[in-house]
Amino acid sequence: MSYPTARRALVPALVSLTLLLGAPALAAGKHAGGHGHGHGGGVDIGQPADAASATRTVEVEMHDNYFEPETITVKAGETIRFKVRNAGTLVHEFNIGTAAMHAAHQGEMMMMMEHGVLKPDSIDMEAARHMQATMGHGMHEEPNSVLLEPGAEGEIVWTFPAAGEVALEFGCNVPGHYESGMVGDFRMNR
């Protein structure tokens, strides 16, 4: 099978997989219950919060294929304000989730790249709006994630689950970045 033929066969498979994996998130909707953020299904990864409720601020820098810091210690139930800055030369994402959630989200990020939304060093918002209108996603507006162009800054305020039993990580799901090691761990303390 030639490369162009294999690619044409892969795109419908990725679309089907993304729709299948995205269905639970669409059914869950956007809510503050701690479920369904970024393809989590029924896994409690925490919930978005207001900046006023944060107990501390953690500054995160995204470099080309690594985070600084690489590990963040959090207490079960703690609310943290993450100030995120893209210090790299490429588009990067800071996304809170489980390894399975990141794997599911990577298919959507690949589609965003294939549809011209994600470019190596920029985000085409017009292409994102078109993808949102025609496919139902593309704007990248989940509360557990921020997607930033080089030099840009963003923020997530997040309350971690009180049970603290889920293995959470933060990662960049731009195609190839997570796989090259752009992932960090949350160390949960009770």
N, C-alpha and C. Protein backbone atom coordinates (compact mmCIF):
# COMPACT_ATOMS: atom_id res chain seq x y z
N MET A 1 0.86 -1.17 0.00
CA MET A 1 0.00 0.00 0.00
C MET A 1 0.90 1.23 0.00
N SER A 2 0.64 2.17 -0.89
CA SER A 2 1.46 3.38 -0.96
C SER A 2 1.12 4.32 0.18
N TYR A 3 2.01 5.27 0.45
CA TYR A 3 1.81 6.23 1.54
C TYR A 3 0.51 7.03 1.35
N PRO A 4 0.23 7.63 0.15
CA PRO A 4 -1.03 8.38 0.01
C PRO A 4 -2.26 7.50 0.22
N THR A 5 -2.23 6.25 -0.25
CA THR A 5 -3.37 5.35 -0.05
C THR A 5 -3.54 5.03 1.43
N ALA A 6 -2.44 4.77 2.12
CA ALA A 6 -2.51 4.47 3.55
C ALA A 6 -3.04 5.68 4.32
N ARG A 7 -2.61 6.87 3.93
CA ARG A 7 -3.08 8.09 4.61
C ARG A 7 -4.57 8.27 4.40
N ARG A 8 -5.07 8.03 3.17
CA ARG A 8 -6.51 8.16 2.91
C ARG A 8 -7.30 7.15 3.73
N ALA A 9 -6.74 5.99 3.96
CA ALA A 9 -7.42 4.98 4.78
C ALA A 9 -7.37 5.35 6.25
N LEU A 10 -6.31 6.02 6.67
CA LEU A 10 -6.14 6.37 8.08
C LEU A 10 -7.08 7.48 8.51
N VAL A 11 -7.31 8.47 7.66
CA VAL A 11 -8.15 9.61 8.04
C VAL A 11 -9.56 9.18 8.44
N PRO A 12 -10.29 8.36 7.63
CA PRO A 12 -11.62 7.94 8.10
C PRO A 12 -11.57 7.15 9.40
N ALA A 13 -10.51 6.36 9.58
CA ALA A 13 -10.38 5.61 10.83
C ALA A 13 -10.20 6.55 12.01
N LEU A 14 -9.38 7.60 11.85
CA LEU A 14 -9.20 8.58 12.92
C LEU A 14 -10.48 9.34 13.20
N VAL A 15 -11.22 9.69 12.15
CA VAL A 15 -12.50 10.38 12.34
C VAL A 15 -13.45 9.49 13.13
N SER A 16 -13.56 8.23 12.74
CA SER A 16 -14.45 7.31 13.45
C SER A 16 -14.03 7.14 14.90
N LEU A 17 -12.74 6.97 15.13
CA LEU A 17 -12.23 6.81 16.49
C LEU A 17 -12.50 8.04 17.33
N THR A 18 -12.27 9.21 16.75
CA THR A 18 -12.51 10.45 17.48
C THR A 18 -13.97 10.61 17.83
N LEU A 19 -14.85 10.31 16.88
CA LEU A 19 -16.28 10.41 17.16
C LEU A 19 -16.69 9.41 18.23
N LEU A 20 -16.16 8.20 18.16
CA LEU A 20 -16.49 7.18 19.15
C LEU A 20 -16.00 7.59 20.53
N LEU A 21 -14.76 8.06 20.63
CA LEU A 21 -14.20 8.44 21.92
C LEU A 21 -14.79 9.75 22.43
N GLY A 22 -15.19 10.62 21.53
CA GLY A 22 -15.75 11.90 21.93
C GLY A 22 -17.19 11.83 22.37
N ALA A 23 -17.91 10.76 22.03
CA ALA A 23 -19.33 10.67 22.38
C ALA A 23 -19.58 10.78 23.87
N PRO A 24 -18.83 10.09 24.75
CA PRO A 24 -19.09 10.26 26.18
C PRO A 24 -18.86 11.69 26.65
N ALA A 25 -17.85 12.36 26.09
CA ALA A 25 -17.59 13.74 26.50
C ALA A 25 -18.72 14.65 26.04
N LEU A 26 -19.24 14.43 24.83
CA LEU A 26 -20.36 15.24 24.36
C LEU A 26 -21.60 14.97 25.20
N ALA A 27 -21.81 13.73 25.56
CA ALA A 27 -22.98 13.39 26.38
C ALA A 27 -22.86 14.01 27.76
N ALA A 28 -21.64 14.07 28.29
CA ALA A 28 -21.44 14.63 29.62
C ALA A 28 -21.58 16.14 29.63
N GLY A 29 -21.26 16.77 28.51
CA GLY A 29 -21.35 18.22 28.43
C GLY A 29 -20.26 18.88 29.24
N LYS A 30 -20.31 20.21 29.26
CA LYS A 30 -19.36 20.97 30.07
C LYS A 30 -20.04 21.33 31.37
N HIS A 31 -19.54 20.77 32.45
CA HIS A 31 -20.13 21.04 33.76
C HIS A 31 -19.04 20.99 34.80
N ALA A 32 -19.37 21.39 35.98
CA ALA A 32 -18.37 21.46 37.04
C ALA A 32 -18.36 20.22 37.92
N GLY A 33 -18.86 19.11 37.45
CA GLY A 33 -18.94 17.91 38.26
C GLY A 33 -17.68 17.09 38.29
N GLY A 34 -16.69 17.46 37.51
CA GLY A 34 -15.43 16.74 37.56
C GLY A 34 -15.36 15.54 36.64
N HIS A 35 -16.34 15.36 35.78
CA HIS A 35 -16.34 14.22 34.88
C HIS A 35 -16.46 14.71 33.45
N GLY A 36 -15.82 14.02 32.54
CA GLY A 36 -15.99 14.31 31.13
C GLY A 36 -15.07 15.39 30.58
N HIS A 37 -14.26 16.03 31.39
CA HIS A 37 -13.36 17.06 30.89
C HIS A 37 -12.28 16.40 30.05
N GLY A 38 -12.21 16.76 28.79
CA GLY A 38 -11.14 16.26 27.94
C GLY A 38 -11.16 14.76 27.79
N HIS A 39 -12.32 14.14 27.66
CA HIS A 39 -12.48 12.73 27.32
C HIS A 39 -12.28 11.80 28.50
N GLY A 40 -12.66 12.21 29.68
CA GLY A 40 -12.44 11.39 30.84
C GLY A 40 -13.53 10.39 31.12
N GLY A 41 -14.69 10.52 30.44
CA GLY A 41 -15.78 9.61 30.72
C GLY A 41 -16.19 9.75 32.16
N GLY A 42 -16.18 8.66 32.93
CA GLY A 42 -16.62 8.68 34.31
C GLY A 42 -15.50 8.85 35.31
N VAL A 43 -14.30 9.20 34.88
CA VAL A 43 -13.16 9.34 35.78
C VAL A 43 -13.18 10.73 36.40
N ASP A 44 -13.06 10.79 37.73
CA ASP A 44 -13.04 12.07 38.44
C ASP A 44 -11.61 12.61 38.45
N ILE A 45 -11.37 13.61 37.62
CA ILE A 45 -10.04 14.23 37.57
C ILE A 45 -10.03 15.57 38.28
N GLY A 46 -11.16 15.97 38.85
CA GLY A 46 -11.28 17.27 39.49
C GLY A 46 -12.21 18.14 38.69
N GLN A 47 -12.14 19.45 38.94
CA GLN A 47 -13.05 20.36 38.26
C GLN A 47 -12.46 21.76 38.18
N PRO A 48 -12.96 22.56 37.22
CA PRO A 48 -12.49 23.94 37.13
C PRO A 48 -12.96 24.72 38.35
N ALA A 49 -12.23 25.78 38.69
CA ALA A 49 -12.57 26.59 39.86
C ALA A 49 -12.29 28.05 39.56
N ASP A 50 -12.69 28.91 40.48
CA ASP A 50 -12.42 30.35 40.37
C ASP A 50 -11.06 30.66 40.97
N ALA A 51 -10.39 31.66 40.39
CA ALA A 51 -9.06 32.04 40.87
C ALA A 51 -9.06 32.42 42.34
N ALA A 52 -10.15 33.01 42.82
CA ALA A 52 -10.23 33.43 44.22
C ALA A 52 -10.16 32.25 45.19
N SER A 53 -10.52 31.06 44.72
CA SER A 53 -10.51 29.88 45.60
C SER A 53 -9.17 29.15 45.60
N ALA A 54 -8.22 29.59 44.79
CA ALA A 54 -6.92 28.92 44.71
C ALA A 54 -6.12 29.13 45.99
N THR A 55 -5.50 28.06 46.47
CA THR A 55 -4.66 28.15 47.66
C THR A 55 -3.23 28.56 47.31
N ARG A 56 -2.86 28.38 46.05
CA ARG A 56 -1.53 28.79 45.60
C ARG A 56 -1.51 28.87 44.07
N THR A 57 -0.45 29.49 43.58
CA THR A 57 -0.24 29.61 42.14
C THR A 57 1.02 28.85 41.77
N VAL A 58 0.93 28.05 40.72
CA VAL A 58 2.09 27.32 40.20
C VAL A 58 2.36 27.84 38.79
N GLU A 59 3.58 28.30 38.57
CA GLU A 59 3.97 28.78 37.25
C GLU A 59 4.58 27.62 36.47
N VAL A 60 4.08 27.43 35.25
CA VAL A 60 4.53 26.34 34.39
C VAL A 60 5.05 26.95 33.09
N GLU A 61 6.24 26.55 32.69
CA GLU A 61 6.79 26.96 31.40
C GLU A 61 6.81 25.76 30.48
N MET A 62 6.32 25.97 29.26
CA MET A 62 6.36 24.93 28.24
C MET A 62 7.50 25.28 27.28
N HIS A 63 8.46 24.38 27.20
CA HIS A 63 9.57 24.52 26.27
C HIS A 63 9.34 23.52 25.14
N ASP A 64 10.20 23.52 24.16
CA ASP A 64 10.00 22.60 23.06
C ASP A 64 10.27 21.17 23.53
N ASN A 65 9.18 20.53 23.88
CA ASN A 65 9.07 19.13 24.28
C ASN A 65 9.45 18.81 25.71
N TYR A 66 9.31 19.78 26.61
CA TYR A 66 9.36 19.49 28.05
C TYR A 66 8.68 20.61 28.82
N PHE A 67 8.26 20.27 30.04
CA PHE A 67 7.64 21.22 30.96
C PHE A 67 8.62 21.54 32.08
N GLU A 68 8.52 22.74 32.60
CA GLU A 68 9.26 23.12 33.80
C GLU A 68 8.25 23.72 34.76
N PRO A 69 7.96 23.10 35.88
CA PRO A 69 8.56 21.88 36.44
C PRO A 69 8.02 20.63 35.74
N GLU A 70 8.73 19.52 35.93
CA GLU A 70 8.32 18.25 35.35
C GLU A 70 7.37 17.48 36.25
N THR A 71 7.39 17.78 37.54
CA THR A 71 6.50 17.15 38.52
C THR A 71 5.93 18.25 39.41
N ILE A 72 4.62 18.14 39.69
CA ILE A 72 3.95 19.11 40.56
C ILE A 72 3.27 18.34 41.68
N THR A 73 3.59 18.68 42.92
CA THR A 73 2.98 18.03 44.08
C THR A 73 1.70 18.78 44.43
N VAL A 74 0.60 18.04 44.58
CA VAL A 74 -0.69 18.62 44.95
C VAL A 74 -1.30 17.83 46.09
N LYS A 75 -2.15 18.49 46.86
CA LYS A 75 -2.90 17.82 47.92
C LYS A 75 -4.27 17.44 47.38
N ALA A 76 -4.79 16.31 47.84
CA ALA A 76 -6.14 15.90 47.45
C ALA A 76 -7.11 17.01 47.81
N GLY A 77 -7.94 17.42 46.87
CA GLY A 77 -8.93 18.47 47.09
C GLY A 77 -8.40 19.89 46.96
N GLU A 78 -7.11 20.05 46.71
CA GLU A 78 -6.50 21.38 46.61
C GLU A 78 -6.91 22.09 45.32
N THR A 79 -7.05 23.41 45.41
CA THR A 79 -7.32 24.24 44.23
C THR A 79 -6.06 25.03 43.90
N ILE A 80 -5.59 24.88 42.67
CA ILE A 80 -4.35 25.52 42.23
C ILE A 80 -4.63 26.37 40.99
N ARG A 81 -4.02 27.54 40.98
CA ARG A 81 -4.03 28.40 39.80
C ARG A 81 -2.74 28.13 39.05
N PHE A 82 -2.86 27.62 37.82
CA PHE A 82 -1.70 27.36 36.97
C PHE A 82 -1.54 28.52 36.00
N LYS A 83 -0.42 29.23 36.12
CA LYS A 83 -0.07 30.27 35.15
C LYS A 83 0.90 29.61 34.17
N VAL A 84 0.47 29.49 32.93
CA VAL A 84 1.21 28.72 31.93
C VAL A 84 1.76 29.67 30.86
N ARG A 85 3.04 29.51 30.56
CA ARG A 85 3.67 30.32 29.51
C ARG A 85 4.37 29.41 28.52
N ASN A 86 4.13 29.67 27.24
CA ASN A 86 4.81 28.93 26.19
C ASN A 86 6.14 29.62 25.89
N ALA A 87 7.22 29.04 26.41
CA ALA A 87 8.56 29.58 26.21
C ALA A 87 9.26 28.93 25.02
N GLY A 88 8.54 28.08 24.30
CA GLY A 88 9.12 27.39 23.15
C GLY A 88 8.91 28.13 21.84
N THR A 89 9.30 27.48 20.76
CA THR A 89 9.13 28.05 19.42
C THR A 89 7.97 27.41 18.67
N LEU A 90 7.31 26.43 19.31
CA LEU A 90 6.20 25.70 18.71
C LEU A 90 4.93 25.91 19.53
N VAL A 91 3.78 25.61 18.94
CA VAL A 91 2.51 25.59 19.69
C VAL A 91 2.59 24.46 20.69
N HIS A 92 2.14 24.72 21.94
CA HIS A 92 2.12 23.69 22.97
C HIS A 92 0.82 23.75 23.76
N GLU A 93 0.52 22.64 24.43
CA GLU A 93 -0.69 22.51 25.22
C GLU A 93 -0.33 22.08 26.64
N PHE A 94 -1.02 22.63 27.63
CA PHE A 94 -0.97 22.16 29.01
C PHE A 94 -2.34 21.57 29.28
N ASN A 95 -2.40 20.25 29.45
CA ASN A 95 -3.67 19.54 29.58
C ASN A 95 -3.60 18.63 30.81
N ILE A 96 -4.56 18.78 31.72
CA ILE A 96 -4.65 17.96 32.92
C ILE A 96 -5.54 16.77 32.62
N GLY A 97 -5.04 15.55 32.88
CA GLY A 97 -5.85 14.36 32.64
C GLY A 97 -5.10 13.09 33.01
N THR A 98 -5.70 11.97 32.65
CA THR A 98 -5.06 10.67 32.83
C THR A 98 -4.35 10.30 31.53
N ALA A 99 -3.51 9.29 31.58
CA ALA A 99 -2.83 8.83 30.37
C ALA A 99 -3.85 8.43 29.30
N ALA A 100 -4.94 7.77 29.71
CA ALA A 100 -5.97 7.36 28.76
C ALA A 100 -6.67 8.57 28.14
N MET A 101 -6.90 9.61 28.93
CA MET A 101 -7.53 10.82 28.41
C MET A 101 -6.61 11.49 27.38
N HIS A 102 -5.32 11.53 27.67
CA HIS A 102 -4.38 12.13 26.72
C HIS A 102 -4.36 11.33 25.42
N ALA A 103 -4.36 10.01 25.52
CA ALA A 103 -4.37 9.18 24.31
C ALA A 103 -5.61 9.46 23.46
N ALA A 104 -6.77 9.61 24.11
CA ALA A 104 -8.00 9.90 23.37
C ALA A 104 -7.95 11.28 22.73
N HIS A 105 -7.39 12.26 23.43
CA HIS A 105 -7.35 13.64 22.93
C HIS A 105 -6.36 13.80 21.77
N GLN A 106 -5.36 12.96 21.71
CA GLN A 106 -4.35 13.08 20.66
C GLN A 106 -4.95 12.89 19.27
N GLY A 107 -5.98 12.07 19.14
CA GLY A 107 -6.66 11.91 17.85
C GLY A 107 -7.31 13.20 17.39
N GLU A 108 -7.95 13.91 18.32
CA GLU A 108 -8.56 15.20 17.96
C GLU A 108 -7.50 16.22 17.59
N MET A 109 -6.40 16.23 18.31
CA MET A 109 -5.33 17.18 18.00
C MET A 109 -4.74 16.89 16.62
N MET A 110 -4.65 15.61 16.25
CA MET A 110 -4.17 15.24 14.92
C MET A 110 -5.15 15.76 13.86
N MET A 111 -6.45 15.63 14.13
CA MET A 111 -7.44 16.15 13.19
C MET A 111 -7.32 17.67 13.06
N MET A 112 -7.05 18.35 14.17
CA MET A 112 -6.88 19.80 14.12
C MET A 112 -5.68 20.17 13.24
N MET A 113 -4.64 19.36 13.30
CA MET A 113 -3.47 19.62 12.46
C MET A 113 -3.81 19.34 11.00
N GLU A 114 -4.49 18.22 10.74
CA GLU A 114 -4.85 17.86 9.37
C GLU A 114 -5.80 18.86 8.74
N HIS A 115 -6.62 19.53 9.53
CA HIS A 115 -7.57 20.52 9.02
C HIS A 115 -7.01 21.94 9.04
N GLY A 116 -5.73 22.08 9.30
CA GLY A 116 -5.08 23.38 9.22
C GLY A 116 -5.27 24.28 10.43
N VAL A 117 -5.87 23.76 11.50
CA VAL A 117 -6.05 24.56 12.71
C VAL A 117 -4.71 24.75 13.41
N LEU A 118 -4.01 23.65 13.61
CA LEU A 118 -2.69 23.69 14.25
C LEU A 118 -1.60 23.74 13.21
N LYS A 119 -0.77 24.73 13.32
CA LYS A 119 0.43 24.84 12.50
C LYS A 119 1.60 24.75 13.49
N PRO A 120 2.80 24.50 13.02
CA PRO A 120 3.90 24.33 13.98
C PRO A 120 4.03 25.47 14.99
N ASP A 121 3.86 26.72 14.54
CA ASP A 121 4.08 27.85 15.44
C ASP A 121 2.88 28.79 15.56
N SER A 122 1.70 28.33 15.14
CA SER A 122 0.52 29.20 15.24
C SER A 122 -0.76 28.37 15.24
N ILE A 123 -1.84 29.03 15.63
CA ILE A 123 -3.17 28.43 15.64
C ILE A 123 -4.03 29.26 14.70
N ASP A 124 -4.63 28.63 13.70
CA ASP A 124 -5.49 29.32 12.73
C ASP A 124 -6.92 29.31 13.28
N MET A 125 -7.33 30.41 13.89
CA MET A 125 -8.65 30.47 14.53
C MET A 125 -9.79 30.41 13.51
N GLU A 126 -9.57 30.91 12.31
CA GLU A 126 -10.61 30.81 11.27
C GLU A 126 -10.84 29.33 10.92
N ALA A 127 -9.76 28.58 10.76
CA ALA A 127 -9.88 27.14 10.49
C ALA A 127 -10.53 26.43 11.68
N ALA A 128 -10.23 26.88 12.90
CA ALA A 128 -10.84 26.29 14.10
C ALA A 128 -12.34 26.52 14.11
N ARG A 129 -12.77 27.74 13.77
CA ARG A 129 -14.22 28.04 13.71
C ARG A 129 -14.90 27.19 12.65
N HIS A 130 -14.24 27.03 11.50
CA HIS A 130 -14.81 26.20 10.43
C HIS A 130 -14.93 24.74 10.89
N MET A 131 -13.90 24.24 11.53
CA MET A 131 -13.93 22.86 12.01
C MET A 131 -15.01 22.69 13.07
N GLN A 132 -15.17 23.68 13.95
CA GLN A 132 -16.21 23.64 14.98
C GLN A 132 -17.59 23.59 14.32
N ALA A 133 -17.80 24.41 13.30
CA ALA A 133 -19.10 24.48 12.63
C ALA A 133 -19.43 23.21 11.86
N THR A 134 -18.43 22.58 11.27
CA THR A 134 -18.69 21.41 10.43
C THR A 134 -18.55 20.08 11.15
N MET A 135 -17.74 20.03 12.22
CA MET A 135 -17.47 18.76 12.88
C MET A 135 -17.84 18.74 14.36
N GLY A 136 -18.17 19.90 14.93
CA GLY A 136 -18.57 19.94 16.33
C GLY A 136 -17.43 20.12 17.31
N HIS A 137 -16.19 20.17 16.83
CA HIS A 137 -15.05 20.46 17.71
C HIS A 137 -13.97 21.12 16.88
N GLY A 138 -13.03 21.73 17.55
CA GLY A 138 -11.94 22.41 16.87
C GLY A 138 -11.53 23.68 17.58
N MET A 139 -12.35 24.14 18.52
CA MET A 139 -12.04 25.39 19.21
C MET A 139 -11.15 25.19 20.44
N HIS A 140 -11.03 23.96 20.90
CA HIS A 140 -10.14 23.63 22.02
C HIS A 140 -10.48 24.48 23.24
N GLU A 141 -11.68 24.31 23.77
CA GLU A 141 -12.16 25.13 24.88
C GLU A 141 -12.45 24.34 26.15
N GLU A 142 -11.79 23.24 26.37
CA GLU A 142 -12.02 22.46 27.58
C GLU A 142 -11.38 23.17 28.78
N PRO A 143 -12.02 23.09 29.94
CA PRO A 143 -11.51 23.82 31.11
C PRO A 143 -10.23 23.23 31.71
N ASN A 144 -9.87 22.01 31.33
CA ASN A 144 -8.67 21.37 31.87
C ASN A 144 -7.45 21.55 30.95
N SER A 145 -7.57 22.45 29.97
CA SER A 145 -6.53 22.54 28.96
C SER A 145 -6.36 23.97 28.45
N VAL A 146 -5.13 24.30 28.11
CA VAL A 146 -4.85 25.57 27.45
C VAL A 146 -3.85 25.30 26.33
N LEU A 147 -4.16 25.82 25.14
CA LEU A 147 -3.34 25.65 23.94
C LEU A 147 -2.76 27.02 23.59
N LEU A 148 -1.42 27.10 23.53
CA LEU A 148 -0.78 28.41 23.40
C LEU A 148 0.24 28.46 22.26
N GLU A 149 0.21 29.58 21.55
CA GLU A 149 1.23 29.86 20.56
C GLU A 149 2.52 30.27 21.28
N PRO A 150 3.67 30.25 20.59
CA PRO A 150 4.92 30.67 21.21
C PRO A 150 4.81 32.08 21.80
N GLY A 151 5.30 32.23 23.04
CA GLY A 151 5.28 33.51 23.72
C GLY A 151 3.98 33.84 24.44
N ALA A 152 2.93 33.07 24.19
CA ALA A 152 1.63 33.35 24.80
C ALA A 152 1.55 32.79 26.21
N GLU A 153 0.61 33.35 26.98
CA GLU A 153 0.38 32.91 28.36
C GLU A 153 -1.09 32.56 28.53
N GLY A 154 -1.35 31.64 29.43
CA GLY A 154 -2.72 31.25 29.74
C GLY A 154 -2.81 30.81 31.18
N GLU A 155 -4.01 30.42 31.57
CA GLU A 155 -4.25 30.07 32.97
C GLU A 155 -5.33 29.00 33.07
N ILE A 156 -5.14 28.12 34.02
CA ILE A 156 -6.15 27.13 34.41
C ILE A 156 -6.23 27.19 35.93
N VAL A 157 -7.44 27.23 36.45
CA VAL A 157 -7.64 27.11 37.90
C VAL A 157 -8.37 25.80 38.09
N TRP A 158 -7.77 24.90 38.88
CA TRP A 158 -8.27 23.53 38.95
C TRP A 158 -8.32 23.04 40.39
N THR A 159 -9.44 22.41 40.75
CA THR A 159 -9.57 21.73 42.04
C THR A 159 -9.38 20.24 41.80
N PHE A 160 -8.40 19.68 42.45
CA PHE A 160 -8.10 18.26 42.29
C PHE A 160 -9.08 17.42 43.10
N PRO A 161 -9.30 16.16 42.69
CA PRO A 161 -10.27 15.32 43.40
C PRO A 161 -9.90 15.11 44.86
N ALA A 162 -10.90 15.11 45.72
CA ALA A 162 -10.69 14.94 47.16
C ALA A 162 -10.13 13.56 47.49
N ALA A 163 -10.53 12.56 46.73
CA ALA A 163 -10.05 11.20 47.00
C ALA A 163 -8.57 11.05 46.65
N GLY A 164 -8.12 11.75 45.62
CA GLY A 164 -6.71 11.70 45.24
C GLY A 164 -6.24 10.34 44.78
N GLU A 165 -7.15 9.51 44.27
CA GLU A 165 -6.79 8.14 43.90
C GLU A 165 -6.51 7.96 42.42
N VAL A 166 -6.76 8.97 41.60
CA VAL A 166 -6.56 8.87 40.16
C VAL A 166 -5.14 9.33 39.82
N ALA A 167 -4.45 8.57 38.97
CA ALA A 167 -3.11 8.95 38.52
C ALA A 167 -3.25 10.03 37.46
N LEU A 168 -2.97 11.27 37.85
CA LEU A 168 -3.10 12.40 36.93
C LEU A 168 -1.73 12.85 36.43
N GLU A 169 -1.74 13.38 35.23
CA GLU A 169 -0.54 13.93 34.63
C GLU A 169 -0.92 15.17 33.84
N PHE A 170 0.06 15.93 33.43
CA PHE A 170 -0.17 17.03 32.52
C PHE A 170 0.67 16.75 31.28
N GLY A 171 0.09 17.05 30.13
CA GLY A 171 0.79 16.72 28.90
C GLY A 171 0.46 17.68 27.78
N CYS A 172 1.28 17.63 26.75
CA CYS A 172 1.05 18.37 25.52
C CYS A 172 0.66 17.35 24.47
N ASN A 173 -0.57 17.48 23.96
CA ASN A 173 -1.10 16.52 23.00
C ASN A 173 -0.98 16.98 21.55
N VAL A 174 -0.21 18.04 21.29
CA VAL A 174 0.09 18.41 19.91
C VAL A 174 0.81 17.20 19.30
N PRO A 175 0.43 16.77 18.09
CA PRO A 175 1.00 15.54 17.54
C PRO A 175 2.52 15.47 17.65
N GLY A 176 2.97 14.36 18.25
CA GLY A 176 4.38 14.08 18.43
C GLY A 176 5.00 14.59 19.72
N HIS A 177 4.36 15.54 20.38
CA HIS A 177 4.96 16.14 21.57
C HIS A 177 4.89 15.21 22.79
N TYR A 178 3.70 14.67 23.08
CA TYR A 178 3.53 13.75 24.21
C TYR A 178 4.46 12.55 24.02
N GLU A 179 4.47 12.03 22.79
CA GLU A 179 5.28 10.84 22.49
C GLU A 179 6.77 11.11 22.66
N SER A 180 7.18 12.36 22.48
CA SER A 180 8.61 12.69 22.63
C SER A 180 8.97 13.03 24.07
N GLY A 181 8.00 12.89 24.98
CA GLY A 181 8.29 13.08 26.40
C GLY A 181 7.74 14.35 27.01
N MET A 182 6.89 15.07 26.30
CA MET A 182 6.32 16.30 26.86
C MET A 182 5.12 15.95 27.72
N VAL A 183 5.43 15.39 28.87
CA VAL A 183 4.43 14.96 29.84
C VAL A 183 5.05 15.07 31.23
N GLY A 184 4.26 15.48 32.21
CA GLY A 184 4.72 15.57 33.59
C GLY A 184 3.72 14.92 34.52
N ASP A 185 4.13 14.70 35.75
CA ASP A 185 3.28 14.01 36.72
C ASP A 185 2.80 14.95 37.82
N PHE A 186 1.57 14.67 38.27
CA PHE A 186 1.08 15.26 39.51
C PHE A 186 1.34 14.25 40.60
N ARG A 187 2.06 14.65 41.63
CA ARG A 187 2.31 13.79 42.78
C ARG A 187 1.26 14.16 43.82
N MET A 188 0.33 13.24 44.08
CA MET A 188 -0.79 13.50 44.99
C MET A 188 -0.42 13.17 46.43
N ASN A 189 -0.59 14.15 47.31
CA ASN A 189 -0.42 13.96 48.75
C ASN A 189 -1.78 14.04 49.40
N ARG A 190 -1.98 13.25 50.41
CA ARG A 190 -3.27 13.28 51.12
C ARG A 190 -3.18 14.20 52.30
